[in-house]
Structures are given as structure tokens and as C-alpha cells.
Protein backbone atom coordinates (compact mmCIF):
# COMPACT_ATOMS: atom_id res chain seq x y z
CA MET A 1 131.54 95.38 110.29
CA ASP A 2 129.85 96.99 113.28
CA LEU A 3 128.08 94.40 115.45
CA PHE A 4 126.18 96.27 118.12
CA ASN A 5 125.23 95.27 121.63
CA ASN A 6 121.45 95.07 121.55
CA GLU A 7 120.94 96.42 125.07
CA LYS A 8 122.89 99.61 124.33
CA LEU A 9 121.04 100.21 121.07
CA ARG A 10 117.45 100.08 122.23
CA ASN A 11 115.74 103.26 120.94
CA GLY A 12 119.01 104.58 119.42
CA ASN A 13 119.89 104.92 115.73
CA LEU A 14 121.94 101.98 114.46
CA LEU A 15 123.10 103.80 111.34
CA PRO A 16 126.01 106.25 111.33
CA ARG A 17 124.59 108.31 108.44
CA ASP A 18 121.95 108.57 105.71
CA GLY A 19 119.02 106.95 107.46
CA THR A 20 117.42 105.88 110.71
CA VAL A 21 117.08 102.35 112.08
CA ILE A 22 115.68 101.92 115.58
CA TYR A 23 115.76 98.63 117.45
CA LEU A 24 112.94 98.55 119.99
CA GLY A 25 114.00 95.20 121.48
CA LYS A 26 111.44 92.72 122.72
CA VAL A 27 107.96 94.26 122.53
CA PHE A 28 106.26 90.97 123.42
CA THR A 29 106.74 88.79 126.47
CA GLU A 30 108.19 85.32 125.90
CA THR A 31 104.73 83.80 126.34
CA GLU A 32 103.15 86.23 123.87
CA ALA A 33 105.93 85.67 121.34
CA ASP A 34 105.58 81.88 121.59
CA HIS A 35 101.82 82.23 121.13
CA TYR A 36 102.06 84.37 118.01
CA LEU A 37 104.79 82.22 116.47
CA GLN A 38 102.59 79.12 116.73
CA LEU A 39 99.44 80.97 115.71
CA LEU A 40 100.98 82.53 112.61
CA PHE A 41 102.62 79.25 111.60
CA GLU A 42 99.31 77.39 111.80
CA THR A 43 96.80 79.93 110.49
CA ILE A 44 98.50 82.01 107.78
CA PRO A 45 97.97 80.61 104.24
CA TRP A 46 101.69 80.41 103.49
CA LYS A 47 102.88 80.04 99.89
CA ASN A 48 106.37 79.51 98.55
CA ASP A 49 107.75 82.80 97.28
CA GLU A 50 108.58 83.43 93.62
CA VAL A 51 111.41 85.72 92.54
CA GLN A 52 112.96 86.63 89.21
CA MET A 53 116.68 85.85 88.94
CA PHE A 54 118.61 86.17 85.68
CA GLY A 55 115.35 86.19 83.76
CA LYS A 56 114.08 83.00 85.35
CA LYS A 57 111.31 82.48 87.90
CA ILE A 58 112.71 80.83 91.04
CA ILE A 59 110.55 79.12 93.70
CA THR A 60 112.07 79.61 97.16
CA ALA A 61 111.89 77.42 100.25
CA ARG A 62 111.01 80.64 102.07
CA LYS A 63 107.26 81.12 102.26
CA MET A 64 105.31 84.36 102.27
CA ALA A 65 101.92 85.98 102.62
CA TRP A 66 100.68 89.53 102.18
CA PHE A 67 97.81 91.28 103.94
CA GLY A 68 96.39 94.78 103.95
CA ASP A 69 93.51 97.23 104.30
CA ALA A 70 92.29 96.34 100.80
CA GLU A 71 93.03 93.82 98.07
CA PHE A 72 95.53 96.12 96.37
CA GLU A 73 98.50 94.85 94.40
CA TYR A 74 102.18 95.10 95.27
CA THR A 75 105.13 94.29 93.01
CA TYR A 76 108.61 93.26 94.16
CA SER A 77 111.31 91.16 92.47
CA LYS A 78 109.22 91.67 89.31
CA ILE A 79 106.43 89.55 90.80
CA THR A 80 102.99 91.07 91.53
CA LYS A 81 101.11 89.99 94.66
CA LYS A 82 97.53 90.72 95.70
CA ALA A 83 96.89 91.46 99.36
CA GLN A 84 94.49 89.46 101.50
CA LEU A 85 92.38 91.28 104.08
CA TRP A 86 93.65 91.44 107.66
CA THR A 87 92.94 88.54 109.98
CA PRO A 88 91.91 89.38 113.57
CA GLU A 89 95.33 88.19 114.82
CA LEU A 90 97.21 90.37 112.35
CA MET A 91 95.06 93.35 113.33
CA LEU A 92 96.15 92.84 116.94
CA LEU A 93 99.81 92.78 115.87
CA LYS A 94 99.26 95.83 113.68
CA THR A 95 97.75 97.73 116.60
CA ARG A 96 100.64 96.75 118.88
CA ILE A 97 103.37 97.90 116.50
CA GLU A 98 101.50 101.11 115.70
CA GLU A 99 101.34 101.88 119.42
CA LYS A 100 105.05 101.12 119.87
CA SER A 101 106.21 103.00 116.78
CA GLY A 102 103.79 105.93 116.68
CA GLU A 103 103.20 105.13 112.99
CA THR A 104 100.26 103.76 111.01
CA PHE A 105 100.44 101.03 108.36
CA ASN A 106 98.13 99.73 105.65
CA SER A 107 99.81 96.44 104.73
CA CYS A 108 102.07 93.67 105.98
CA LEU A 109 104.41 91.30 104.15
CA LEU A 110 105.06 88.08 106.08
CA ASN A 111 108.00 85.73 105.49
CA LEU A 112 108.52 82.26 106.95
CA TYR A 113 112.08 80.92 107.05
CA PRO A 114 111.97 77.15 107.80
CA SER A 115 115.53 77.20 109.17
CA GLY A 116 118.77 79.13 109.04
CA LYS A 117 119.48 77.64 105.64
CA GLU A 118 117.04 80.20 104.24
CA GLY A 119 117.81 83.90 104.19
CA MET A 120 117.30 87.04 102.11
CA GLY A 121 120.01 88.64 99.95
CA TRP A 122 121.04 92.29 99.84
CA HIS A 123 118.15 94.53 98.80
CA SER A 124 116.31 97.71 99.69
CA ASP A 125 112.56 98.11 100.10
CA ALA A 126 112.23 100.90 97.56
CA GLU A 127 109.58 99.58 95.19
CA LYS A 128 107.42 102.18 93.45
CA ASP A 129 104.35 100.94 95.36
CA LEU A 130 105.81 102.01 98.71
CA LYS A 131 105.28 105.50 100.08
CA PRO A 132 108.69 107.25 99.76
CA ASN A 133 110.71 107.51 102.98
CA SER A 134 107.91 105.91 104.97
CA THR A 135 108.60 103.83 108.07
CA ILE A 136 108.80 100.04 107.77
CA ALA A 137 108.26 98.17 111.03
CA SER A 138 109.63 94.64 111.33
CA LEU A 139 108.46 92.08 113.90
CA SER A 140 110.47 88.90 114.50
CA PHE A 141 109.19 85.65 116.00
CA GLY A 142 111.10 82.41 116.39
CA ALA A 143 114.78 81.76 115.70
CA VAL A 144 117.21 84.49 116.73
CA ARG A 145 118.95 85.71 113.56
CA LYS A 146 121.53 88.29 112.56
CA PHE A 147 120.32 91.16 110.38
CA GLU A 148 122.70 93.35 108.37
CA PHE A 149 122.77 96.74 106.68
CA ARG A 150 125.28 97.85 104.02
CA HIS A 151 125.71 101.42 102.79
CA LYS A 152 125.26 101.59 99.02
CA LYS A 153 128.25 103.88 98.43
CA THR A 154 130.71 103.34 101.29
CA LYS A 155 129.92 99.60 101.68
CA ARG A 156 130.13 99.98 105.46
CA THR A 157 128.10 97.28 107.20
CA VAL A 158 126.10 97.34 110.41
CA SER A 159 124.70 94.20 112.08
CA ILE A 160 122.24 93.48 114.86
CA ILE A 161 120.74 90.36 116.41
CA LEU A 162 116.94 90.19 116.09
CA GLU A 163 115.38 88.53 119.12
CA HIS A 164 112.22 86.45 119.47
CA GLY A 165 109.32 88.92 119.89
CA SER A 166 111.34 91.99 118.92
CA ALA A 167 110.67 95.01 116.70
CA LEU A 168 112.88 97.03 114.36
CA LEU A 169 112.00 100.31 112.60
CA MET A 170 113.56 101.46 109.30
CA LYS A 171 112.81 105.14 108.74
CA ASP A 172 113.51 108.26 106.68
CA CYS A 173 115.95 107.79 103.77
CA THR A 174 117.26 104.39 104.90
CA GLN A 175 115.98 102.55 101.80
CA THR A 176 117.60 105.12 99.51
CA HIS A 177 121.11 104.77 100.94
CA TRP A 178 121.28 101.31 102.52
CA HIS A 179 120.74 97.70 101.52
CA HIS A 180 119.78 95.10 104.13
CA ARG A 181 119.76 91.32 104.29
CA LEU A 182 119.09 88.29 106.45
CA PRO A 183 122.22 86.12 106.01
CA THR A 184 121.94 82.36 106.16
CA ALA A 185 122.88 80.67 109.44
CA ARG A 186 123.26 76.94 108.86
CA HIS A 187 123.61 76.19 112.57
CA VAL A 188 120.04 77.46 113.13
CA GLU A 189 117.51 74.65 112.76
CA SER A 190 114.31 76.32 114.01
CA LEU A 191 111.93 78.49 112.00
CA ARG A 192 111.59 82.26 112.01
CA ILE A 193 108.57 84.34 111.03
CA ASN A 194 109.07 87.98 110.09
CA LEU A 195 106.35 90.59 109.56
CA THR A 196 107.15 93.88 107.85
CA PHE A 197 104.42 96.47 108.20
CA ARG A 198 104.43 99.01 105.38
CA ASN A 199 102.53 101.82 103.69
CA ILE A 200 101.48 101.21 100.10
CA GLU A 201 100.43 104.18 97.98
CA VAL A 202 97.12 102.73 96.88
CA ASN A 203 95.98 105.64 94.71
CA ARG A 204 99.33 106.62 93.21
CA ASN A 205 99.33 107.94 89.65
């Protein structure tokens, strides 16, 4: 496993091959990050997520919400969600990450992890609704957590620590060749909110 020093990796590619992952570090001050963590926790209409596992619908302790430019649908883990329209606060966050990344986005999937007991297993964001090879921008607020990548063929893993108020970009063919996950961390008792800004192909055939 490669566990990288965050300071050395700012604006450099984390992956050794077959994709591009850029860690931008903290893009919000501590005060701003604290503000958005509390604001998102209190104002987003969080719902427990539903996933399909072994043919059964599982209700997770992790909560989610999905927002976008329009009320289009998005399917992952065999569950279809309908986007809500942007709130003013999410529009501000969208503008900030678009300025930092040089990209534009039309939707955002939000996840709330109540503590380190909740994580996300190995997966890639390669659903048919997503624009192929488009950039996914991830914002992290709250508990500091480790985030991992694993190459689909070589099984090589790469890890980084995601800080409170930080941003990570997954670009190019990353989703084709790498899985990623948020491993559980049972020593972590505080919550984490993650926002992944994406591009949905609304008018795909």
C-alpha cells in the first residue's frame, strides 16, 4: 500500500498509471469548513441510503441526498434516485469547486457518515448515467478519514488522508481502471459529510 504525505501530493497525481487523481488539499478555511459542516448537517433533507446486496434491499446507517440542475434520475447500486434542485448553499459550494477545479458540474451526490463505523466498500463511479471519463470532484467536511484506491488488474493500492474542508479530483480514465473506497475507522466518533460533484448525461440515448 502507498500512503502518501498530503503536503507533497497537493496538485500532483496520486495514481502511478491508468488515471488521474489530484488532491487539492484544504480549499476552505477552518471557519468556513466548520460553517458548511453544520449548515449541511442541519439543512439537507438526509435519507438513509438503500443498496442492493445479494438480491436484497439493504438500508444503511449512512445517509444521502442528491441535487442537480434539473430533477433528472440517476441509478446506482440498482437503485434509482431523483435529484432535488440546488439549494443556495450548494450553489455556493458548486461555484467554489468549479473555480478550484476548472470544471463544471450539473449534479452532486451527498453522503453523511455518522461516525467511523460507517464507510463505503470498493466500487467505481462508472454508472451509465455519468458522462464517460468526466471529472468527479469530492469535498470533505468533518471527520478526517482515509480514502483508498485499488487498481482493478494489478490490485495495487494507494491511500490518502482527506482533511476537513479539502477537495479531491478524480479524472480521465480513473473509474475505468481503479476502484475506490472509504474504509471504516472505528476509532472515529465524529461525523463526516462528503459531496461528490458530477456530470450526468441528461439527454443520453
